[in-house]
Amino acid sequence: MKKLYLFDFDGTLTYKDTLFLFLKYYDSKKYFWSYLKHIPVFILVKLKLMDAEIAKKSFVASILKGEREIKINRKVIAFFEEYYPKIIRKSALDFLKTIDGSHTTCYLITASLDIWVRPFAKKMGMTLIATEAQFVAGRFTGDFQTKNNNGEEKVKRIKQVIGDQKFDKIIAFGDTSGDKPMLAFAHESHYRFFN
């Protein structure tokens, strides 16, 4: 039986949201001031008065815009080495060990940026589908190369990647409303399964 596993990352496989964790790790001083300035923005998003993608771009750009890709990548490696496996839920790690790799494909589908999630996906043997950071001439522009990979966008990106491949069973794992379209797309879905 050919299976496709779809795993959300933040909150599903991890104990913490890696967006905030990585940005704080990258530059704690800049993060502190930027977070304070963005509190009204985060409130507007919670109240559904502002698009989450706009708020996310603004917050990420306030810390990483103009940074050299080589510097970001160095920080990413250090971040991964410090936080893997301790931010991954033990129940999730135990489950991943039970997956038979012979007829199975695993995707890590996240709204977080590809830059800091990539080493986690690689370590767990998964193909990454993430919000992609935009770099021009070796520097982060503060913009995204793709749409924010959340909600219906997750399903759209999954369909693009799998193309005409056929699977006997698609199994999805998520933990927020942003995962619900992906959970509906799957044959078998698990909400907050590892919590």
N, C-alpha and C. Protein backbone atom coordinates (compact mmCIF):
# COMPACT_ATOMS: atom_id res chain seq x y z
N MET A 1 0.85 -1.19 0.00
CA MET A 1 0.00 0.00 0.00
C MET A 1 0.88 1.25 0.00
N LYS A 2 0.64 2.13 -0.95
CA LYS A 2 1.41 3.36 -1.09
C LYS A 2 0.78 4.46 -0.22
N LYS A 3 1.55 4.96 0.75
CA LYS A 3 1.01 5.95 1.68
C LYS A 3 1.71 7.30 1.56
N LEU A 4 0.94 8.37 1.81
CA LEU A 4 1.48 9.72 1.88
C LEU A 4 1.14 10.29 3.25
N TYR A 5 2.18 10.68 4.00
CA TYR A 5 1.99 11.31 5.30
C TYR A 5 2.22 12.81 5.17
N LEU A 6 1.30 13.59 5.72
CA LEU A 6 1.39 15.06 5.69
C LEU A 6 1.45 15.55 7.14
N PHE A 7 2.56 16.16 7.51
CA PHE A 7 2.73 16.64 8.88
C PHE A 7 2.86 18.16 8.91
N ASP A 8 1.98 18.81 9.66
CA ASP A 8 2.22 20.21 10.00
C ASP A 8 3.40 20.21 10.97
N PHE A 9 4.09 21.35 11.08
CA PHE A 9 5.29 21.40 11.92
C PHE A 9 5.03 22.06 13.28
N ASP A 10 4.84 23.39 13.28
CA ASP A 10 4.70 24.15 14.52
C ASP A 10 3.45 23.76 15.30
N GLY A 11 3.66 23.30 16.53
CA GLY A 11 2.53 22.92 17.39
C GLY A 11 2.07 21.49 17.20
N THR A 12 2.28 20.94 16.00
CA THR A 12 1.92 19.54 15.74
C THR A 12 3.08 18.63 16.12
N LEU A 13 4.22 18.85 15.48
CA LEU A 13 5.41 18.06 15.81
C LEU A 13 6.25 18.73 16.91
N THR A 14 6.11 20.05 17.03
CA THR A 14 6.93 20.79 18.00
C THR A 14 6.12 21.24 19.21
N TYR A 15 6.85 21.54 20.29
CA TYR A 15 6.23 22.09 21.49
C TYR A 15 6.00 23.59 21.35
N LYS A 16 6.82 24.25 20.51
CA LYS A 16 6.79 25.71 20.39
C LYS A 16 6.71 26.14 18.95
N ASP A 17 6.27 27.39 18.75
CA ASP A 17 6.23 28.00 17.42
C ASP A 17 7.65 28.40 17.05
N THR A 18 8.18 27.84 15.98
CA THR A 18 9.58 28.09 15.62
C THR A 18 9.82 29.47 15.02
N LEU A 19 8.79 30.12 14.49
CA LEU A 19 8.97 31.46 13.93
C LEU A 19 9.50 32.40 15.01
N PHE A 20 8.79 32.47 16.12
CA PHE A 20 9.21 33.35 17.22
C PHE A 20 10.52 32.87 17.84
N LEU A 21 10.65 31.56 17.98
CA LEU A 21 11.84 30.98 18.60
C LEU A 21 13.09 31.29 17.78
N PHE A 22 13.01 31.12 16.45
CA PHE A 22 14.17 31.37 15.60
C PHE A 22 14.51 32.85 15.55
N LEU A 23 13.52 33.71 15.38
CA LEU A 23 13.79 35.15 15.28
C LEU A 23 14.42 35.68 16.57
N LYS A 24 13.97 35.17 17.69
CA LYS A 24 14.55 35.57 18.98
C LYS A 24 15.99 35.05 19.08
N TYR A 25 16.22 33.85 18.62
CA TYR A 25 17.56 33.25 18.63
C TYR A 25 18.49 34.04 17.71
N TYR A 26 17.97 34.49 16.58
CA TYR A 26 18.78 35.19 15.58
C TYR A 26 19.34 36.51 16.12
N ASP A 27 18.46 37.29 16.76
CA ASP A 27 18.90 38.59 17.31
C ASP A 27 17.92 38.97 18.42
N SER A 28 18.26 38.61 19.64
CA SER A 28 17.32 38.78 20.76
C SER A 28 17.00 40.25 21.04
N LYS A 29 17.98 41.14 20.87
CA LYS A 29 17.75 42.57 21.12
C LYS A 29 16.78 43.15 20.09
N LYS A 30 17.05 42.87 18.83
CA LYS A 30 16.18 43.35 17.75
C LYS A 30 14.78 42.74 17.88
N TYR A 31 14.75 41.46 18.26
CA TYR A 31 13.48 40.74 18.44
C TYR A 31 12.62 41.42 19.50
N PHE A 32 13.23 41.76 20.63
CA PHE A 32 12.50 42.37 21.74
C PHE A 32 11.80 43.66 21.31
N TRP A 33 12.56 44.56 20.66
CA TRP A 33 11.98 45.85 20.25
C TRP A 33 10.95 45.67 19.13
N SER A 34 11.25 44.76 18.22
CA SER A 34 10.33 44.51 17.11
C SER A 34 9.02 43.90 17.61
N TYR A 35 9.14 42.99 18.58
CA TYR A 35 7.95 42.35 19.15
C TYR A 35 7.05 43.39 19.80
N LEU A 36 7.65 44.29 20.58
CA LEU A 36 6.88 45.36 21.24
C LEU A 36 6.14 46.21 20.22
N LYS A 37 6.86 46.58 19.14
CA LYS A 37 6.26 47.42 18.09
C LYS A 37 5.13 46.70 17.35
N HIS A 38 5.22 45.37 17.30
CA HIS A 38 4.23 44.59 16.55
C HIS A 38 3.05 44.11 17.39
N ILE A 39 3.04 44.38 18.68
CA ILE A 39 1.91 43.95 19.53
C ILE A 39 0.56 44.41 18.97
N PRO A 40 0.41 45.70 18.57
CA PRO A 40 -0.89 46.12 17.99
C PRO A 40 -1.25 45.33 16.72
N VAL A 41 -0.23 44.99 15.94
CA VAL A 41 -0.43 44.22 14.70
C VAL A 41 -0.92 42.81 15.05
N PHE A 42 -0.29 42.17 16.04
CA PHE A 42 -0.69 40.82 16.44
C PHE A 42 -2.13 40.82 16.98
N ILE A 43 -2.50 41.88 17.67
CA ILE A 43 -3.88 42.00 18.19
C ILE A 43 -4.87 42.09 17.03
N LEU A 44 -4.53 42.89 16.01
CA LEU A 44 -5.41 43.04 14.83
C LEU A 44 -5.58 41.70 14.11
N VAL A 45 -4.51 40.91 14.05
CA VAL A 45 -4.59 39.58 13.41
C VAL A 45 -5.51 38.67 14.22
N LYS A 46 -5.35 38.68 15.56
CA LYS A 46 -6.20 37.86 16.44
C LYS A 46 -7.67 38.22 16.27
N LEU A 47 -7.93 39.51 16.10
CA LEU A 47 -9.31 39.99 15.92
C LEU A 47 -9.81 39.84 14.49
N LYS A 48 -8.94 39.27 13.64
CA LYS A 48 -9.23 39.06 12.22
C LYS A 48 -9.49 40.38 11.47
N LEU A 49 -8.79 41.42 11.91
CA LEU A 49 -8.89 42.74 11.27
C LEU A 49 -7.68 43.02 10.39
N MET A 50 -6.73 42.11 10.40
CA MET A 50 -5.55 42.23 9.53
C MET A 50 -5.16 40.85 9.03
N ASP A 51 -4.71 40.80 7.79
CA ASP A 51 -4.27 39.55 7.18
C ASP A 51 -3.00 39.06 7.87
N ALA A 52 -2.99 37.80 8.26
CA ALA A 52 -1.84 37.21 8.98
C ALA A 52 -0.57 37.25 8.14
N GLU A 53 -0.70 37.10 6.83
CA GLU A 53 0.48 37.11 5.95
C GLU A 53 1.19 38.46 5.98
N ILE A 54 0.42 39.55 5.98
CA ILE A 54 0.99 40.90 6.03
C ILE A 54 1.74 41.10 7.35
N ALA A 55 1.10 40.69 8.45
CA ALA A 55 1.72 40.82 9.78
C ALA A 55 3.00 39.99 9.87
N LYS A 56 2.94 38.79 9.34
CA LYS A 56 4.09 37.88 9.39
C LYS A 56 5.27 38.45 8.60
N LYS A 57 4.99 38.95 7.39
CA LYS A 57 6.04 39.55 6.56
C LYS A 57 6.69 40.72 7.28
N SER A 58 5.86 41.55 7.86
CA SER A 58 6.35 42.74 8.56
C SER A 58 7.26 42.36 9.72
N PHE A 59 6.83 41.37 10.51
CA PHE A 59 7.60 40.97 11.69
C PHE A 59 8.92 40.30 11.28
N VAL A 60 8.86 39.39 10.33
CA VAL A 60 10.06 38.70 9.86
C VAL A 60 11.04 39.71 9.26
N ALA A 61 10.52 40.61 8.41
CA ALA A 61 11.36 41.62 7.75
C ALA A 61 12.02 42.55 8.75
N SER A 62 11.32 42.86 9.84
CA SER A 62 11.87 43.79 10.84
C SER A 62 13.15 43.25 11.49
N ILE A 63 13.34 41.94 11.40
CA ILE A 63 14.52 41.32 12.00
C ILE A 63 15.52 40.81 10.95
N LEU A 64 15.00 40.28 9.84
CA LEU A 64 15.90 39.62 8.87
C LEU A 64 16.14 40.38 7.57
N LYS A 65 15.35 41.40 7.27
CA LYS A 65 15.51 42.10 5.99
C LYS A 65 16.92 42.66 5.82
N GLY A 66 17.50 42.37 4.66
CA GLY A 66 18.84 42.87 4.36
C GLY A 66 19.96 42.00 4.87
N GLU A 67 19.62 40.98 5.66
CA GLU A 67 20.66 40.09 6.20
C GLU A 67 21.21 39.19 5.10
N ARG A 68 22.50 38.91 5.18
CA ARG A 68 23.14 38.04 4.19
C ARG A 68 22.70 36.59 4.38
N GLU A 69 22.44 35.92 3.27
CA GLU A 69 21.99 34.52 3.29
C GLU A 69 23.00 33.64 4.02
N ILE A 70 24.27 33.89 3.82
CA ILE A 70 25.31 33.09 4.45
C ILE A 70 25.27 33.21 5.98
N LYS A 71 24.97 34.42 6.47
CA LYS A 71 24.87 34.65 7.92
C LYS A 71 23.62 33.95 8.47
N ILE A 72 22.51 34.09 7.75
CA ILE A 72 21.26 33.43 8.18
C ILE A 72 21.47 31.92 8.25
N ASN A 73 22.11 31.36 7.23
CA ASN A 73 22.33 29.92 7.19
C ASN A 73 23.22 29.42 8.34
N ARG A 74 24.21 30.22 8.71
CA ARG A 74 25.06 29.87 9.86
C ARG A 74 24.23 29.81 11.14
N LYS A 75 23.34 30.81 11.29
CA LYS A 75 22.47 30.86 12.48
C LYS A 75 21.48 29.70 12.47
N VAL A 76 20.99 29.34 11.29
CA VAL A 76 20.05 28.22 11.14
C VAL A 76 20.69 26.92 11.62
N ILE A 77 21.94 26.69 11.23
CA ILE A 77 22.64 25.46 11.63
C ILE A 77 22.80 25.42 13.16
N ALA A 78 23.21 26.56 13.73
CA ALA A 78 23.38 26.64 15.18
C ALA A 78 22.04 26.45 15.91
N PHE A 79 20.98 27.05 15.35
CA PHE A 79 19.63 26.93 15.91
C PHE A 79 19.17 25.48 15.92
N PHE A 80 19.37 24.81 14.78
CA PHE A 80 18.99 23.39 14.66
C PHE A 80 19.75 22.53 15.66
N GLU A 81 21.06 22.76 15.75
CA GLU A 81 21.88 21.97 16.66
C GLU A 81 21.48 22.17 18.12
N GLU A 82 21.01 23.38 18.44
CA GLU A 82 20.58 23.64 19.81
C GLU A 82 19.19 23.07 20.11
N TYR A 83 18.29 23.12 19.14
CA TYR A 83 16.89 22.78 19.42
C TYR A 83 16.40 21.41 18.93
N TYR A 84 17.20 20.70 18.12
CA TYR A 84 16.77 19.34 17.75
C TYR A 84 17.50 18.35 18.64
N PRO A 85 16.83 17.40 19.29
CA PRO A 85 15.39 17.10 19.16
C PRO A 85 14.52 17.74 20.25
N LYS A 86 15.08 18.61 21.09
CA LYS A 86 14.33 19.01 22.29
C LYS A 86 13.02 19.76 22.04
N ILE A 87 12.86 20.41 20.85
CA ILE A 87 11.56 21.06 20.62
C ILE A 87 10.56 20.14 19.92
N ILE A 88 11.00 18.96 19.53
CA ILE A 88 10.09 18.01 18.87
C ILE A 88 9.42 17.15 19.95
N ARG A 89 8.12 17.03 19.85
CA ARG A 89 7.37 16.22 20.82
C ARG A 89 7.87 14.77 20.79
N LYS A 90 8.10 14.20 21.96
CA LYS A 90 8.62 12.83 22.04
C LYS A 90 7.67 11.84 21.37
N SER A 91 6.36 12.05 21.57
CA SER A 91 5.37 11.16 20.96
C SER A 91 5.45 11.22 19.43
N ALA A 92 5.79 12.40 18.88
CA ALA A 92 5.93 12.54 17.43
C ALA A 92 7.18 11.81 16.95
N LEU A 93 8.29 11.96 17.67
CA LEU A 93 9.52 11.25 17.30
C LEU A 93 9.33 9.74 17.35
N ASP A 94 8.63 9.28 18.39
CA ASP A 94 8.34 7.83 18.52
C ASP A 94 7.49 7.35 17.35
N PHE A 95 6.50 8.15 16.97
CA PHE A 95 5.61 7.78 15.86
C PHE A 95 6.39 7.71 14.54
N LEU A 96 7.24 8.70 14.30
CA LEU A 96 8.01 8.75 13.05
C LEU A 96 8.88 7.51 12.88
N LYS A 97 9.38 6.99 13.99
CA LYS A 97 10.22 5.78 13.94
C LYS A 97 9.43 4.55 13.48
N THR A 98 8.10 4.57 13.64
CA THR A 98 7.27 3.42 13.27
C THR A 98 6.87 3.41 11.80
N ILE A 99 7.12 4.53 11.10
CA ILE A 99 6.70 4.61 9.69
C ILE A 99 7.62 3.76 8.82
N ASP A 100 7.01 2.87 8.04
CA ASP A 100 7.74 2.02 7.12
C ASP A 100 8.08 2.84 5.88
N GLY A 101 9.36 3.04 5.64
CA GLY A 101 9.80 3.90 4.54
C GLY A 101 9.71 3.32 3.14
N SER A 102 9.46 2.02 3.02
CA SER A 102 9.51 1.38 1.70
C SER A 102 8.43 1.84 0.72
N HIS A 103 7.20 2.04 1.17
CA HIS A 103 6.12 2.48 0.28
C HIS A 103 5.47 3.76 0.81
N THR A 104 6.31 4.59 1.44
CA THR A 104 5.77 5.76 2.14
C THR A 104 6.51 7.03 1.74
N THR A 105 5.75 8.09 1.56
CA THR A 105 6.30 9.41 1.30
C THR A 105 5.84 10.32 2.44
N CYS A 106 6.76 11.11 2.98
CA CYS A 106 6.42 12.02 4.08
C CYS A 106 6.74 13.47 3.71
N TYR A 107 5.76 14.34 3.91
CA TYR A 107 5.95 15.77 3.68
C TYR A 107 5.79 16.53 4.99
N LEU A 108 6.64 17.53 5.16
CA LEU A 108 6.52 18.46 6.28
C LEU A 108 5.95 19.74 5.69
N ILE A 109 4.72 20.08 6.07
CA ILE A 109 4.01 21.21 5.48
C ILE A 109 3.82 22.29 6.52
N THR A 110 4.46 23.44 6.29
CA THR A 110 4.46 24.47 7.32
C THR A 110 4.31 25.88 6.77
N ALA A 111 3.70 26.74 7.58
CA ALA A 111 3.62 28.16 7.25
C ALA A 111 4.91 28.87 7.63
N SER A 112 5.75 28.23 8.45
CA SER A 112 7.04 28.82 8.81
C SER A 112 7.92 28.92 7.57
N LEU A 113 8.97 29.73 7.66
CA LEU A 113 9.85 29.91 6.51
C LEU A 113 10.79 28.72 6.32
N ASP A 114 11.02 28.41 5.06
CA ASP A 114 11.88 27.28 4.69
C ASP A 114 13.27 27.38 5.31
N ILE A 115 13.78 28.60 5.48
CA ILE A 115 15.18 28.76 5.90
C ILE A 115 15.49 28.05 7.21
N TRP A 116 14.61 28.16 8.20
CA TRP A 116 14.96 27.51 9.48
C TRP A 116 14.31 26.15 9.69
N VAL A 117 13.33 25.79 8.85
CA VAL A 117 12.69 24.47 9.01
C VAL A 117 13.42 23.39 8.20
N ARG A 118 14.14 23.79 7.16
CA ARG A 118 14.78 22.83 6.26
C ARG A 118 15.63 21.77 6.97
N PRO A 119 16.53 22.15 7.92
CA PRO A 119 17.32 21.08 8.57
C PRO A 119 16.49 20.09 9.39
N PHE A 120 15.35 20.56 9.94
CA PHE A 120 14.47 19.66 10.70
C PHE A 120 13.83 18.65 9.75
N ALA A 121 13.37 19.13 8.59
CA ALA A 121 12.75 18.25 7.59
C ALA A 121 13.76 17.20 7.12
N LYS A 122 14.97 17.67 6.85
CA LYS A 122 16.03 16.76 6.37
C LYS A 122 16.33 15.68 7.41
N LYS A 123 16.47 16.09 8.66
CA LYS A 123 16.78 15.15 9.75
C LYS A 123 15.68 14.10 9.90
N MET A 124 14.42 14.53 9.72
CA MET A 124 13.30 13.60 9.87
C MET A 124 12.96 12.85 8.58
N GLY A 125 13.74 13.08 7.53
CA GLY A 125 13.56 12.36 6.28
C GLY A 125 12.31 12.75 5.52
N MET A 126 11.97 14.04 5.59
CA MET A 126 10.75 14.51 4.92
C MET A 126 11.05 15.55 3.84
N THR A 127 10.18 15.60 2.86
CA THR A 127 10.24 16.66 1.85
C THR A 127 9.54 17.89 2.44
N LEU A 128 10.18 19.05 2.31
CA LEU A 128 9.64 20.27 2.92
C LEU A 128 8.79 21.07 1.94
N ILE A 129 7.60 21.44 2.41
CA ILE A 129 6.75 22.39 1.68
C ILE A 129 6.48 23.52 2.67
N ALA A 130 7.11 24.67 2.45
CA ALA A 130 7.06 25.77 3.42
C ALA A 130 6.81 27.10 2.72
N THR A 131 6.62 28.14 3.51
CA THR A 131 6.64 29.50 2.98
C THR A 131 8.09 29.77 2.63
N GLU A 132 8.35 30.22 1.41
CA GLU A 132 9.74 30.37 0.97
C GLU A 132 10.21 31.82 1.06
N ALA A 133 11.37 31.99 1.66
CA ALA A 133 11.98 33.31 1.80
C ALA A 133 12.58 33.74 0.46
N GLN A 134 12.53 35.04 0.20
CA GLN A 134 13.08 35.56 -1.06
C GLN A 134 14.46 36.19 -0.82
N PHE A 135 15.43 35.72 -1.58
CA PHE A 135 16.78 36.27 -1.53
C PHE A 135 17.14 36.85 -2.89
N VAL A 136 17.74 38.03 -2.88
CA VAL A 136 18.24 38.66 -4.10
C VAL A 136 19.67 39.09 -3.83
N ALA A 137 20.58 38.68 -4.72
CA ALA A 137 22.01 39.00 -4.60
C ALA A 137 22.54 38.60 -3.21
N GLY A 138 22.06 37.44 -2.71
CA GLY A 138 22.58 36.90 -1.46
C GLY A 138 22.07 37.56 -0.20
N ARG A 139 21.03 38.38 -0.32
CA ARG A 139 20.44 39.02 0.86
C ARG A 139 18.93 38.80 0.90
N PHE A 140 18.39 38.68 2.11
CA PHE A 140 16.95 38.48 2.29
C PHE A 140 16.23 39.80 2.02
N THR A 141 15.25 39.76 1.13
CA THR A 141 14.54 40.98 0.74
C THR A 141 13.51 41.43 1.77
N GLY A 142 13.15 40.52 2.68
CA GLY A 142 12.06 40.82 3.62
C GLY A 142 10.72 40.36 3.07
N ASP A 143 10.74 39.83 1.85
CA ASP A 143 9.52 39.35 1.20
C ASP A 143 9.55 37.83 1.10
N PHE A 144 8.41 37.27 0.68
CA PHE A 144 8.31 35.82 0.51
C PHE A 144 8.27 35.50 -0.99
N GLN A 145 8.91 34.40 -1.35
CA GLN A 145 8.93 33.92 -2.73
C GLN A 145 7.58 33.28 -3.10
N THR A 146 6.90 32.76 -2.07
CA THR A 146 5.61 32.10 -2.27
C THR A 146 4.59 32.76 -1.34
N LYS A 147 3.34 32.37 -1.50
CA LYS A 147 2.31 32.81 -0.55
C LYS A 147 2.57 32.17 0.81
N ASN A 148 2.02 32.77 1.85
CA ASN A 148 2.10 32.17 3.19
C ASN A 148 1.46 30.78 3.12
N ASN A 149 2.20 29.76 3.49
CA ASN A 149 1.74 28.38 3.30
C ASN A 149 0.83 27.95 4.46
N ASN A 150 -0.41 28.42 4.38
CA ASN A 150 -1.38 28.15 5.44
C ASN A 150 -2.77 27.98 4.83
N GLY A 151 -3.63 27.25 5.52
CA GLY A 151 -5.01 27.07 5.05
C GLY A 151 -5.07 26.37 3.70
N GLU A 152 -5.86 26.93 2.78
CA GLU A 152 -6.04 26.34 1.44
C GLU A 152 -4.73 26.28 0.66
N GLU A 153 -3.81 27.20 0.97
CA GLU A 153 -2.51 27.23 0.28
C GLU A 153 -1.74 25.93 0.50
N LYS A 154 -1.90 25.33 1.69
CA LYS A 154 -1.22 24.05 1.97
C LYS A 154 -1.66 22.97 0.98
N VAL A 155 -2.96 22.88 0.76
CA VAL A 155 -3.51 21.86 -0.16
C VAL A 155 -3.05 22.14 -1.59
N LYS A 156 -3.07 23.41 -1.98
CA LYS A 156 -2.63 23.81 -3.32
C LYS A 156 -1.18 23.40 -3.56
N ARG A 157 -0.33 23.66 -2.57
CA ARG A 157 1.10 23.34 -2.70
C ARG A 157 1.33 21.83 -2.70
N ILE A 158 0.57 21.09 -1.88
CA ILE A 158 0.69 19.62 -1.84
C ILE A 158 0.35 19.06 -3.23
N LYS A 159 -0.75 19.54 -3.80
CA LYS A 159 -1.20 19.06 -5.13
C LYS A 159 -0.15 19.36 -6.19
N GLN A 160 0.49 20.53 -6.10
CA GLN A 160 1.54 20.90 -7.07
C GLN A 160 2.72 19.93 -6.97
N VAL A 161 3.10 19.60 -5.75
CA VAL A 161 4.27 18.74 -5.52
C VAL A 161 4.00 17.28 -5.90
N ILE A 162 2.82 16.76 -5.52
CA ILE A 162 2.56 15.34 -5.81
C ILE A 162 2.17 15.11 -7.27
N GLY A 163 1.67 16.16 -7.93
CA GLY A 163 1.31 16.04 -9.35
C GLY A 163 0.32 14.91 -9.59
N ASP A 164 0.67 14.02 -10.52
CA ASP A 164 -0.25 12.92 -10.85
C ASP A 164 0.06 11.62 -10.09
N GLN A 165 0.90 11.71 -9.06
CA GLN A 165 1.18 10.52 -8.25
C GLN A 165 -0.10 10.06 -7.55
N LYS A 166 -0.26 8.77 -7.46
CA LYS A 166 -1.44 8.21 -6.79
C LYS A 166 -1.02 7.53 -5.48
N PHE A 167 -1.82 7.75 -4.46
CA PHE A 167 -1.56 7.15 -3.15
C PHE A 167 -2.80 6.39 -2.69
N ASP A 168 -2.58 5.21 -2.10
CA ASP A 168 -3.70 4.42 -1.59
C ASP A 168 -4.28 5.07 -0.34
N LYS A 169 -3.41 5.74 0.42
CA LYS A 169 -3.87 6.37 1.65
C LYS A 169 -3.07 7.65 1.92
N ILE A 170 -3.79 8.73 2.20
CA ILE A 170 -3.16 9.99 2.58
C ILE A 170 -3.54 10.26 4.04
N ILE A 171 -2.52 10.43 4.89
CA ILE A 171 -2.74 10.61 6.33
C ILE A 171 -2.15 11.95 6.74
N ALA A 172 -2.97 12.82 7.35
CA ALA A 172 -2.52 14.17 7.71
C ALA A 172 -2.61 14.43 9.20
N PHE A 173 -1.71 15.26 9.67
CA PHE A 173 -1.64 15.64 11.09
C PHE A 173 -1.53 17.16 11.19
N GLY A 174 -2.40 17.76 12.02
CA GLY A 174 -2.37 19.21 12.21
C GLY A 174 -2.85 19.60 13.59
N ASP A 175 -2.78 20.91 13.89
CA ASP A 175 -3.19 21.33 15.23
C ASP A 175 -3.93 22.66 15.29
N THR A 176 -4.13 23.33 14.12
CA THR A 176 -4.84 24.62 14.13
C THR A 176 -5.84 24.68 12.98
N SER A 177 -6.62 25.75 12.97
CA SER A 177 -7.61 25.95 11.89
C SER A 177 -6.91 26.07 10.53
N GLY A 178 -5.65 26.54 10.54
CA GLY A 178 -4.88 26.65 9.30
C GLY A 178 -4.54 25.31 8.67
N ASP A 179 -4.72 24.23 9.45
CA ASP A 179 -4.45 22.87 8.94
C ASP A 179 -5.73 22.17 8.46
N LYS A 180 -6.89 22.76 8.74
CA LYS A 180 -8.15 22.06 8.46
C LYS A 180 -8.36 21.71 6.99
N PRO A 181 -8.01 22.59 6.03
CA PRO A 181 -8.15 22.17 4.63
C PRO A 181 -7.27 20.95 4.29
N MET A 182 -6.06 20.91 4.85
CA MET A 182 -5.17 19.76 4.62
C MET A 182 -5.74 18.50 5.26
N LEU A 183 -6.31 18.64 6.46
CA LEU A 183 -6.92 17.49 7.14
C LEU A 183 -8.12 16.97 6.35
N ALA A 184 -8.88 17.89 5.75
CA ALA A 184 -10.05 17.50 4.94
C ALA A 184 -9.62 16.83 3.64
N PHE A 185 -8.47 17.21 3.12
CA PHE A 185 -7.93 16.66 1.88
C PHE A 185 -7.51 15.19 2.05
N ALA A 186 -7.07 14.84 3.26
CA ALA A 186 -6.55 13.49 3.52
C ALA A 186 -7.67 12.46 3.68
N HIS A 187 -7.31 11.20 3.50
CA HIS A 187 -8.26 10.09 3.74
C HIS A 187 -8.45 9.88 5.24
N GLU A 188 -7.33 10.11 5.97
CA GLU A 188 -7.34 9.91 7.41
C GLU A 188 -6.68 11.13 8.05
N SER A 189 -7.35 11.76 8.99
CA SER A 189 -6.76 12.97 9.59
C SER A 189 -6.73 12.88 11.11
N HIS A 190 -5.69 13.51 11.65
CA HIS A 190 -5.48 13.49 13.11
C HIS A 190 -5.23 14.92 13.59
N TYR A 191 -6.09 15.38 14.50
CA TYR A 191 -6.00 16.73 15.02
C TYR A 191 -5.40 16.69 16.44
N ARG A 192 -4.30 17.39 16.62
CA ARG A 192 -3.58 17.41 17.91
C ARG A 192 -3.27 16.00 18.44
N PHE A 193 -2.90 15.14 17.53
CA PHE A 193 -2.64 13.74 17.81
C PHE A 193 -1.49 13.52 18.78
N PHE A 194 -0.44 14.36 18.68
CA PHE A 194 0.76 14.17 19.50
C PHE A 194 0.75 15.00 20.79
N ASN A 195 -0.29 15.78 21.00
CA ASN A 195 -0.36 16.66 22.19
C ASN A 195 -0.58 15.85 23.46
